[in-house]
PDB file of N, CA and C in Angstrom:
ATOM      1  N   MET A   1       0.841  -1.185   0.000  1.00  0.00           N
ATOM      2  CA  MET A   1       0.000   0.000   0.000  1.00  0.00           C
ATOM      3  C   MET A   1       0.884   1.246   0.000  1.00  0.00           C
ATOM      4  N   ARG A   2       0.531   2.220  -0.858  1.00  0.00           N
ATOM      5  CA  ARG A   2       1.302   3.456  -0.920  1.00  0.00           C
ATOM      6  C   ARG A   2       0.938   4.371   0.235  1.00  0.00           C
ATOM      7  N   LYS A   3       1.954   5.042   0.750  1.00  0.00           N
ATOM      8  CA  LYS A   3       1.703   6.050   1.777  1.00  0.00           C
ATOM      9  C   LYS A   3       1.193   7.316   1.105  1.00  0.00           C
ATOM     10  N   VAL A   4       0.309   7.991   1.791  1.00  0.00           N
ATOM     11  CA  VAL A   4      -0.250   9.233   1.277  1.00  0.00           C
ATOM     12  C   VAL A   4       0.106  10.351   2.243  1.00  0.00           C
ATOM     13  N   ARG A   5       0.627  11.439   1.706  1.00  0.00           N
ATOM     14  CA  ARG A   5       0.965  12.603   2.515  1.00  0.00           C
ATOM     15  C   ARG A   5      -0.144  13.628   2.333  1.00  0.00           C
ATOM     16  N   ILE A   6      -0.622  14.187   3.469  1.00  0.00           N
ATOM     17  CA  ILE A   6      -1.697  15.175   3.444  1.00  0.00           C
ATOM     18  C   ILE A   6      -1.272  16.370   4.283  1.00  0.00           C
ATOM     19  N   ASP A   7      -1.374  17.562   3.700  1.00  0.00           N
ATOM     20  CA  ASP A   7      -1.039  18.799   4.407  1.00  0.00           C
ATOM     21  C   ASP A   7      -2.135  19.837   4.175  1.00  0.00           C
ATOM     22  N   ASP A   8      -2.431  20.617   5.202  1.00  0.00           N
ATOM     23  CA  ASP A   8      -3.408  21.703   5.121  1.00  0.00           C
ATOM     24  C   ASP A   8      -2.655  23.015   4.950  1.00  0.00           C
ATOM     25  N   SER A   9      -3.075  23.823   3.977  1.00  0.00           N
ATOM     26  CA  SER A   9      -2.409  25.100   3.702  1.00  0.00           C
ATOM     27  C   SER A   9      -3.431  26.211   3.561  1.00  0.00           C
ATOM     28  N   GLU A  10      -3.054  27.395   4.006  1.00  0.00           N
ATOM     29  CA  GLU A  10      -3.891  28.567   3.797  1.00  0.00           C
ATOM     30  C   GLU A  10      -3.630  29.109   2.397  1.00  0.00           C
ATOM     31  N   VAL A  11      -4.701  29.482   1.697  1.00  0.00           N
ATOM     32  CA  VAL A  11      -4.613  30.088   0.370  1.00  0.00           C
ATOM     33  C   VAL A  11      -5.510  31.321   0.360  1.00  0.00           C
ATOM     34  N   PRO A  12      -5.326  32.208  -0.624  1.00  0.00           N
ATOM     35  CA  PRO A  12      -6.227  33.368  -0.701  1.00  0.00           C
ATOM     36  C   PRO A  12      -7.675  32.901  -0.862  1.00  0.00           C
ATOM     37  N   ALA A  13      -8.592  33.574  -0.199  1.00  0.00           N
ATOM     38  CA  ALA A  13     -10.004  33.201  -0.298  1.00  0.00           C
ATOM     39  C   ALA A  13     -10.498  33.404  -1.727  1.00  0.00           C
ATOM     40  N   SER A  14     -11.105  32.365  -2.268  1.00  0.00           N
ATOM     41  CA  SER A  14     -11.746  32.488  -3.574  1.00  0.00           C
ATOM     42  C   SER A  14     -12.928  31.527  -3.635  1.00  0.00           C
ATOM     43  N   ALA A  15     -13.816  31.792  -4.577  1.00  0.00           N
ATOM     44  CA  ALA A  15     -15.074  31.062  -4.664  1.00  0.00           C
ATOM     45  C   ALA A  15     -14.986  29.926  -5.675  1.00  0.00           C
ATOM     46  N   CYS A  16     -15.696  28.847  -5.377  1.00  0.00           N
ATOM     47  CA  CYS A  16     -15.849  27.743  -6.315  1.00  0.00           C
ATOM     48  C   CYS A  16     -16.489  28.295  -7.586  1.00  0.00           C
ATOM     49  N   THR A  17     -15.998  27.861  -8.733  1.00  0.00           N
ATOM     50  CA  THR A  17     -16.524  28.343 -10.003  1.00  0.00           C
ATOM     51  C   THR A  17     -17.903  27.756 -10.323  1.00  0.00           C
ATOM     52  N   ASN A  18     -18.333  26.769  -9.544  1.00  0.00           N
ATOM     53  CA  ASN A  18     -19.641  26.153  -9.775  1.00  0.00           C
ATOM     54  C   ASN A  18     -20.667  26.595  -8.740  1.00  0.00           C
ATOM     55  N   CYS A  19     -20.383  26.348  -7.456  1.00  0.00           N
ATOM     56  CA  CYS A  19     -21.390  26.608  -6.409  1.00  0.00           C
ATOM     57  C   CYS A  19     -21.152  27.910  -5.653  1.00  0.00           C
ATOM     58  N   GLY A  20     -19.989  28.537  -5.820  1.00  0.00           N
ATOM     59  CA  GLY A  20     -19.710  29.808  -5.164  1.00  0.00           C
ATOM     60  C   GLY A  20     -19.208  29.708  -3.739  1.00  0.00           C
ATOM     61  N   MET A  21     -19.049  28.480  -3.219  1.00  0.00           N
ATOM     62  CA  MET A  21     -18.559  28.332  -1.845  1.00  0.00           C
ATOM     63  C   MET A  21     -17.171  28.958  -1.705  1.00  0.00           C
ATOM     64  N   LEU A  22     -17.008  29.796  -0.689  1.00  0.00           N
ATOM     65  CA  LEU A  22     -15.713  30.425  -0.437  1.00  0.00           C
ATOM     66  C   LEU A  22     -14.795  29.457   0.290  1.00  0.00           C
ATOM     67  N   SER A  23     -13.548  29.465  -0.103  1.00  0.00           N
ATOM     68  CA  SER A  23     -12.553  28.612   0.539  1.00  0.00           C
ATOM     69  C   SER A  23     -11.268  29.401   0.722  1.00  0.00           C
ATOM     70  N   ASP A  24     -10.634  29.220   1.887  1.00  0.00           N
ATOM     71  CA  ASP A  24      -9.354  29.870   2.133  1.00  0.00           C
ATOM     72  C   ASP A  24      -8.299  28.876   2.626  1.00  0.00           C
ATOM     73  N   HIS A  25      -8.602  27.591   2.478  1.00  0.00           N
ATOM     74  CA  HIS A  25      -7.650  26.533   2.815  1.00  0.00           C
ATOM     75  C   HIS A  25      -7.686  25.462   1.736  1.00  0.00           C
ATOM     76  N   ALA A  26      -6.588  24.779   1.572  1.00  0.00           N
ATOM     77  CA  ALA A  26      -6.521  23.667   0.630  1.00  0.00           C
ATOM     78  C   ALA A  26      -5.788  22.524   1.308  1.00  0.00           C
ATOM     79  N   ILE A  27      -6.223  21.333   1.021  1.00  0.00           N
ATOM     80  CA  ILE A  27      -5.547  20.147   1.527  1.00  0.00           C
ATOM     81  C   ILE A  27      -4.752  19.552   0.376  1.00  0.00           C
ATOM     82  N   GLY A  28      -3.441  19.506   0.539  1.00  0.00           N
ATOM     83  CA  GLY A  28      -2.576  18.915  -0.477  1.00  0.00           C
ATOM     84  C   GLY A  28      -2.428  17.433  -0.227  1.00  0.00           C
ATOM     85  N   VAL A  29      -2.519  16.649  -1.294  1.00  0.00           N
ATOM     86  CA  VAL A  29      -2.413  15.200  -1.199  1.00  0.00           C
ATOM     87  C   VAL A  29      -1.362  14.734  -2.189  1.00  0.00           C
ATOM     88  N   SER A  30      -0.470  13.855  -1.735  1.00  0.00           N
ATOM     89  CA  SER A  30       0.560  13.316  -2.614  1.00  0.00           C
ATOM     90  C   SER A  30       0.889  11.882  -2.225  1.00  0.00           C
ATOM     91  N   THR A  31       1.216  11.073  -3.224  1.00  0.00           N
ATOM     92  CA  THR A  31       1.686   9.707  -2.967  1.00  0.00           C
ATOM     93  C   THR A  31       3.200   9.622  -3.136  1.00  0.00           C
ATOM     94  N   ASP A  32       3.863  10.754  -3.316  1.00  0.00           N
ATOM     95  CA  ASP A  32       5.315  10.794  -3.455  1.00  0.00           C
ATOM     96  C   ASP A  32       5.948  10.773  -2.064  1.00  0.00           C
ATOM     97  N   PRO A  33       6.626   9.679  -1.693  1.00  0.00           N
ATOM     98  CA  PRO A  33       7.180   9.571  -0.336  1.00  0.00           C
ATOM     99  C   PRO A  33       8.318  10.553  -0.058  1.00  0.00           C
ATOM    100  N   ASP A  34       8.885  11.147  -1.099  1.00  0.00           N
ATOM    101  CA  ASP A  34      10.008  12.069  -0.912  1.00  0.00           C
ATOM    102  C   ASP A  34       9.571  13.516  -0.741  1.00  0.00           C
ATOM    103  N   ARG A  35       8.274  13.791  -0.853  1.00  0.00           N
ATOM    104  CA  ARG A  35       7.787  15.163  -0.676  1.00  0.00           C
ATOM    105  C   ARG A  35       7.849  15.526   0.792  1.00  0.00           C
ATOM    106  N   GLU A  36       8.517  16.639   1.093  1.00  0.00           N
ATOM    107  CA  GLU A  36       8.596  17.093   2.480  1.00  0.00           C
ATOM    108  C   GLU A  36       7.281  17.723   2.927  1.00  0.00           C
ATOM    109  N   ARG A  37       6.650  18.475   2.043  1.00  0.00           N
ATOM    110  CA  ARG A  37       5.379  19.137   2.355  1.00  0.00           C
ATOM    111  C   ARG A  37       4.591  19.282   1.057  1.00  0.00           C
ATOM    112  N   VAL A  38       3.287  19.160   1.152  1.00  0.00           N
ATOM    113  CA  VAL A  38       2.428  19.285  -0.018  1.00  0.00           C
ATOM    114  C   VAL A  38       1.653  20.590   0.097  1.00  0.00           C
ATOM    115  N   VAL A  39       2.047  21.575  -0.689  1.00  0.00           N
ATOM    116  CA  VAL A  39       1.376  22.882  -0.674  1.00  0.00           C
ATOM    117  C   VAL A  39       0.892  23.196  -2.086  1.00  0.00           C
ATOM    118  N   PRO A  40      -0.212  23.931  -2.198  1.00  0.00           N
ATOM    119  CA  PRO A  40      -0.736  24.263  -3.527  1.00  0.00           C
ATOM    120  C   PRO A  40       0.258  25.102  -4.324  1.00  0.00           C
ATOM    121  N   GLN A  41       0.348  24.789  -5.594  1.00  0.00           N
ATOM    122  CA  GLN A  41       1.183  25.529  -6.533  1.00  0.00           C
ATOM    123  C   GLN A  41       0.315  25.930  -7.717  1.00  0.00           C
ATOM    124  N   PRO A  42       0.645  27.026  -8.405  1.00  0.00           N
ATOM    125  CA  PRO A  42      -0.110  27.372  -9.610  1.00  0.00           C
ATOM    126  C   PRO A  42      -0.142  26.174 -10.570  1.00  0.00           C
ATOM    127  N   GLY A  43      -1.323  25.915 -11.113  1.00  0.00           N
ATOM    128  CA  GLY A  43      -1.489  24.801 -12.041  1.00  0.00           C
ATOM    129  C   GLY A  43      -1.943  23.507 -11.390  1.00  0.00           C
ATOM    130  N   ASN A  44      -1.901  23.438 -10.035  1.00  0.00           N
ATOM    131  CA  ASN A  44      -2.391  22.242  -9.338  1.00  0.00           C
ATOM    132  C   ASN A  44      -3.908  22.177  -9.420  1.00  0.00           C
ATOM    133  N   PHE A  45      -4.422  20.964  -9.458  1.00  0.00           N
ATOM    134  CA  PHE A  45      -5.862  20.744  -9.456  1.00  0.00           C
ATOM    135  C   PHE A  45      -6.388  20.740  -8.029  1.00  0.00           C
ATOM    136  N   THR A  46      -7.662  21.069  -7.883  1.00  0.00           N
ATOM    137  CA  THR A  46      -8.333  20.994  -6.592  1.00  0.00           C
ATOM    138  C   THR A  46      -9.787  20.616  -6.812  1.00  0.00           C
ATOM    139  N   ILE A  47     -10.436  20.177  -5.748  1.00  0.00           N
ATOM    140  CA  ILE A  47     -11.832  19.749  -5.800  1.00  0.00           C
ATOM    141  C   ILE A  47     -12.602  20.533  -4.745  1.00  0.00           C
ATOM    142  N   CYS A  48     -13.729  21.108  -5.128  1.00  0.00           N
ATOM    143  CA  CYS A  48     -14.582  21.807  -4.159  1.00  0.00           C
ATOM    144  C   CYS A  48     -15.152  20.789  -3.182  1.00  0.00           C
ATOM    145  N   ARG A  49     -15.019  21.060  -1.898  1.00  0.00           N
ATOM    146  CA  ARG A  49     -15.527  20.113  -0.899  1.00  0.00           C
ATOM    147  C   ARG A  49     -17.053  20.134  -0.826  1.00  0.00           C
ATOM    148  N   GLN A  50     -17.686  21.189  -1.340  1.00  0.00           N
ATOM    149  CA  GLN A  50     -19.141  21.303  -1.312  1.00  0.00           C
ATOM    150  C   GLN A  50     -19.792  20.553  -2.479  1.00  0.00           C
ATOM    151  N   CYS A  51     -19.343  20.849  -3.705  1.00  0.00           N
ATOM    152  CA  CYS A  51     -20.033  20.307  -4.879  1.00  0.00           C
ATOM    153  C   CYS A  51     -19.190  19.357  -5.723  1.00  0.00           C
ATOM    154  N   GLY A  52     -17.882  19.292  -5.460  1.00  0.00           N
ATOM    155  CA  GLY A  52     -17.009  18.387  -6.215  1.00  0.00           C
ATOM    156  C   GLY A  52     -16.453  18.959  -7.504  1.00  0.00           C
ATOM    157  N   GLN A  53     -16.688  20.243  -7.763  1.00  0.00           N
ATOM    158  CA  GLN A  53     -16.177  20.880  -8.983  1.00  0.00           C
ATOM    159  C   GLN A  53     -14.652  20.760  -9.038  1.00  0.00           C
ATOM    160  N   LEU A  54     -14.145  20.355 -10.205  1.00  0.00           N
ATOM    161  CA  LEU A  54     -12.702  20.316 -10.417  1.00  0.00           C
ATOM    162  C   LEU A  54     -12.243  21.688 -10.878  1.00  0.00           C
ATOM    163  N   MET A  55     -11.210  22.211 -10.223  1.00  0.00           N
ATOM    164  CA  MET A  55     -10.693  23.529 -10.558  1.00  0.00           C
ATOM    165  C   MET A  55      -9.175  23.487 -10.523  1.00  0.00           C
ATOM    166  N   VAL A  56      -8.564  24.607 -10.904  1.00  0.00           N
ATOM    167  CA  VAL A  56      -7.117  24.740 -10.954  1.00  0.00           C
ATOM    168  C   VAL A  56      -6.741  26.026 -10.224  1.00  0.00           C
ATOM    169  N   PHE A  57      -5.607  25.985  -9.514  1.00  0.00           N
ATOM    170  CA  PHE A  57      -5.081  27.203  -8.895  1.00  0.00           C
ATOM    171  C   PHE A  57      -4.366  28.025  -9.964  1.00  0.00           C
ATOM    172  N   ASP A  58      -4.711  29.334 -10.045  1.00  0.00           N
ATOM    173  CA  ASP A  58      -4.022  30.202 -10.997  1.00  0.00           C
ATOM    174  C   ASP A  58      -2.710  30.699 -10.390  1.00  0.00           C
ATOM    175  N   ASP A  59      -2.058  31.647 -11.040  1.00  0.00           N
ATOM    176  CA  ASP A  59      -0.752  32.139 -10.574  1.00  0.00           C
ATOM    177  C   ASP A  59      -0.824  32.791  -9.200  1.00  0.00           C
ATOM    178  N   ASP A  60      -2.005  33.294  -8.806  1.00  0.00           N
ATOM    179  CA  ASP A  60      -2.191  33.922  -7.494  1.00  0.00           C
ATOM    180  C   ASP A  60      -2.854  32.977  -6.498  1.00  0.00           C
ATOM    181  N   LEU A  61      -2.931  31.687  -6.843  1.00  0.00           N
ATOM    182  CA  LEU A  61      -3.583  30.636  -6.046  1.00  0.00           C
ATOM    183  C   LEU A  61      -5.077  30.881  -5.864  1.00  0.00           C
ATOM    184  N   MET A  62      -5.677  31.595  -6.819  1.00  0.00           N
ATOM    185  CA  MET A  62      -7.120  31.756  -6.874  1.00  0.00           C
ATOM    186  C   MET A  62      -7.659  30.625  -7.749  1.00  0.00           C
ATOM    187  N   LEU A  63      -8.937  30.281  -7.561  1.00  0.00           N
ATOM    188  CA  LEU A  63      -9.524  29.168  -8.299  1.00  0.00           C
ATOM    189  C   LEU A  63     -10.033  29.604  -9.667  1.00  0.00           C
ATOM    190  N   ARG A  64      -9.817  28.723 -10.654  1.00  0.00           N
ATOM    191  CA  ARG A  64     -10.337  28.951 -12.005  1.00  0.00           C
ATOM    192  C   ARG A  64     -10.738  27.601 -12.593  1.00  0.00           C
ATOM    193  N   ASN A  65     -11.526  27.643 -13.658  1.00  0.00           N
ATOM    194  CA  ASN A  65     -11.880  26.415 -14.357  1.00  0.00           C
ATOM    195  C   ASN A  65     -10.676  25.899 -15.146  1.00  0.00           C
ATOM    196  N   PRO A  66     -10.550  24.591 -15.272  1.00  0.00           N
ATOM    197  CA  PRO A  66      -9.449  24.036 -16.058  1.00  0.00           C
ATOM    198  C   PRO A  66      -9.638  24.285 -17.553  1.00  0.00           C
ATOM    199  N   THR A  67      -8.521  24.368 -18.253  1.00  0.00           N
ATOM    200  CA  THR A  67      -8.548  24.465 -19.711  1.00  0.00           C
ATOM    201  C   THR A  67      -8.892  23.086 -20.282  1.00  0.00           C
ATOM    202  N   ASP A  68      -9.131  23.019 -21.581  1.00  0.00           N
ATOM    203  CA  ASP A  68      -9.413  21.731 -22.228  1.00  0.00           C
ATOM    204  C   ASP A  68      -8.250  20.760 -22.044  1.00  0.00           C
ATOM    205  N   VAL A  69      -7.029  21.255 -22.162  1.00  0.00           N
ATOM    206  CA  VAL A  69      -5.842  20.401 -21.985  1.00  0.00           C
ATOM    207  C   VAL A  69      -5.779  19.881 -20.547  1.00  0.00           C
ATOM    208  N   GLU A  70      -6.029  20.745 -19.573  1.00  0.00           N
ATOM    209  CA  GLU A  70      -6.025  20.330 -18.169  1.00  0.00           C
ATOM    210  C   GLU A  70      -7.120  19.306 -17.896  1.00  0.00           C
ATOM    211  N   MET A  71      -8.299  19.479 -18.499  1.00  0.00           N
ATOM    212  CA  MET A  71      -9.373  18.506 -18.325  1.00  0.00           C
ATOM    213  C   MET A  71      -8.954  17.140 -18.860  1.00  0.00           C
ATOM    214  N   HIS A  72      -8.217  17.126 -19.942  1.00  0.00           N
ATOM    215  CA  HIS A  72      -7.703  15.867 -20.485  1.00  0.00           C
ATOM    216  C   HIS A  72      -6.762  15.213 -19.478  1.00  0.00           C
ATOM    217  N   ASP A  73      -5.909  16.009 -18.832  1.00  0.00           N
ATOM    218  CA  ASP A  73      -4.994  15.495 -17.812  1.00  0.00           C
ATOM    219  C   ASP A  73      -5.757  14.945 -16.609  1.00  0.00           C
ATOM    220  N   ILE A  74      -6.828  15.616 -16.219  1.00  0.00           N
ATOM    221  CA  ILE A  74      -7.630  15.190 -15.080  1.00  0.00           C
ATOM    222  C   ILE A  74      -8.220  13.805 -15.328  1.00  0.00           C
ATOM    223  N   ALA A  75      -8.653  13.576 -16.560  1.00  0.00           N
ATOM    224  CA  ALA A  75      -9.332  12.322 -16.896  1.00  0.00           C
ATOM    225  C   ALA A  75      -8.487  11.091 -16.564  1.00  0.00           C
ATOM    226  N   GLY A  76      -7.179  11.211 -16.624  1.00  0.00           N
ATOM    227  CA  GLY A  76      -6.324  10.069 -16.338  1.00  0.00           C
ATOM    228  C   GLY A  76      -5.659  10.096 -14.977  1.00  0.00           C
ATOM    229  N   ASN A  77      -6.014  11.029 -14.122  1.00  0.00           N
ATOM    230  CA  ASN A  77      -5.347  11.171 -12.831  1.00  0.00           C
ATOM    231  C   ASN A  77      -6.047  10.297 -11.783  1.00  0.00           C
ATOM    232  N   GLU A  78      -5.435   9.162 -11.464  1.00  0.00           N
ATOM    233  CA  GLU A  78      -6.041   8.207 -10.527  1.00  0.00           C
ATOM    234  C   GLU A  78      -6.259   8.796  -9.130  1.00  0.00           C
ATOM    235  N   LEU A  79      -5.331   9.629  -8.657  1.00  0.00           N
ATOM    236  CA  LEU A  79      -5.485  10.228  -7.334  1.00  0.00           C
ATOM    237  C   LEU A  79      -6.726  11.120  -7.284  1.00  0.00           C
ATOM    238  N   LEU A  80      -6.905  11.956  -8.303  1.00  0.00           N
ATOM    239  CA  LEU A  80      -8.082  12.827  -8.323  1.00  0.00           C
ATOM    240  C   LEU A  80      -9.372  12.019  -8.434  1.00  0.00           C
ATOM    241  N   LEU A  81      -9.368  10.972  -9.231  1.00  0.00           N
ATOM    242  CA  LEU A  81     -10.564  10.136  -9.353  1.00  0.00           C
ATOM    243  C   LEU A  81     -10.888   9.448  -8.029  1.00  0.00           C
ATOM    244  N   THR A  82      -9.859   8.989  -7.324  1.00  0.00           N
ATOM    245  CA  THR A  82     -10.066   8.360  -6.015  1.00  0.00           C
ATOM    246  C   THR A  82     -10.629   9.368  -5.020  1.00  0.00           C
ATOM    247  N   LEU A  83     -10.091  10.582  -5.016  1.00  0.00           N
ATOM    248  CA  LEU A  83     -10.590  11.621  -4.109  1.00  0.00           C
ATOM    249  C   LEU A  83     -12.053  11.957  -4.411  1.00  0.00           C
ATOM    250  N   GLN A  84     -12.420  11.979  -5.682  1.00  0.00           N
ATOM    251  CA  GLN A  84     -13.814  12.236  -6.043  1.00  0.00           C
ATOM    252  C   GLN A  84     -14.726  11.123  -5.517  1.00  0.00           C
ATOM    253  N   ARG A  85     -14.292   9.869  -5.662  1.00  0.00           N
ATOM    254  CA  ARG A  85     -15.090   8.754  -5.161  1.00  0.00           C
ATOM    255  C   ARG A  85     -15.236   8.843  -3.644  1.00  0.00           C
ATOM    256  N   LEU A  86     -14.151   9.155  -2.942  1.00  0.00           N
ATOM    257  CA  LEU A  86     -14.222   9.281  -1.484  1.00  0.00           C
ATOM    258  C   LEU A  86     -15.146  10.411  -1.064  1.00  0.00           C
ATOM    259  N   ARG A  87     -15.105  11.515  -1.792  1.00  0.00           N
ATOM    260  CA  ARG A  87     -15.979  12.645  -1.480  1.00  0.00           C
ATOM    261  C   ARG A  87     -17.444  12.227  -1.613  1.00  0.00           C
ATOM    262  N   LEU A  88     -17.767  11.446  -2.612  1.00  0.00           N
ATOM    263  CA  LEU A  88     -19.147  11.004  -2.828  1.00  0.00           C
ATOM    264  C   LEU A  88     -19.608  10.029  -1.750  1.00  0.00           C
ATOM    265  N   MET A  89     -18.672   9.304  -1.150  1.00  0.00           N
ATOM    266  CA  MET A  89     -19.026   8.313  -0.135  1.00  0.00           C
ATOM    267  C   MET A  89     -19.340   8.941   1.224  1.00  0.00           C
ATOM    268  N   ARG A  90     -18.880  10.160   1.449  1.00  0.00           N
ATOM    269  CA  ARG A  90     -19.080  10.771   2.773  1.00  0.00           C
ATOM    270  C   ARG A  90     -20.451  11.283   2.993  1.00  0.00           C
TER     271      ARG A  90
END
């Protein structure tokens, strides 16, 4: 079983692009055992905890909708798909 690293980080408050829920924290998740800390970076994907909308952090760590290319990347990301399934189970 792979170890999963989870870290909570403060980010600028921004609204979900779907439901409008405001968020000022992000939970970083990684299966890379060599990562010292998992913090949001521009271009990282995130999931709204309220509605499950997939979004991307922009250069200022504000939320935006993914581009078509990013959506293609999301489709094959097993970690994001697993997180979506877990969110639906709660």
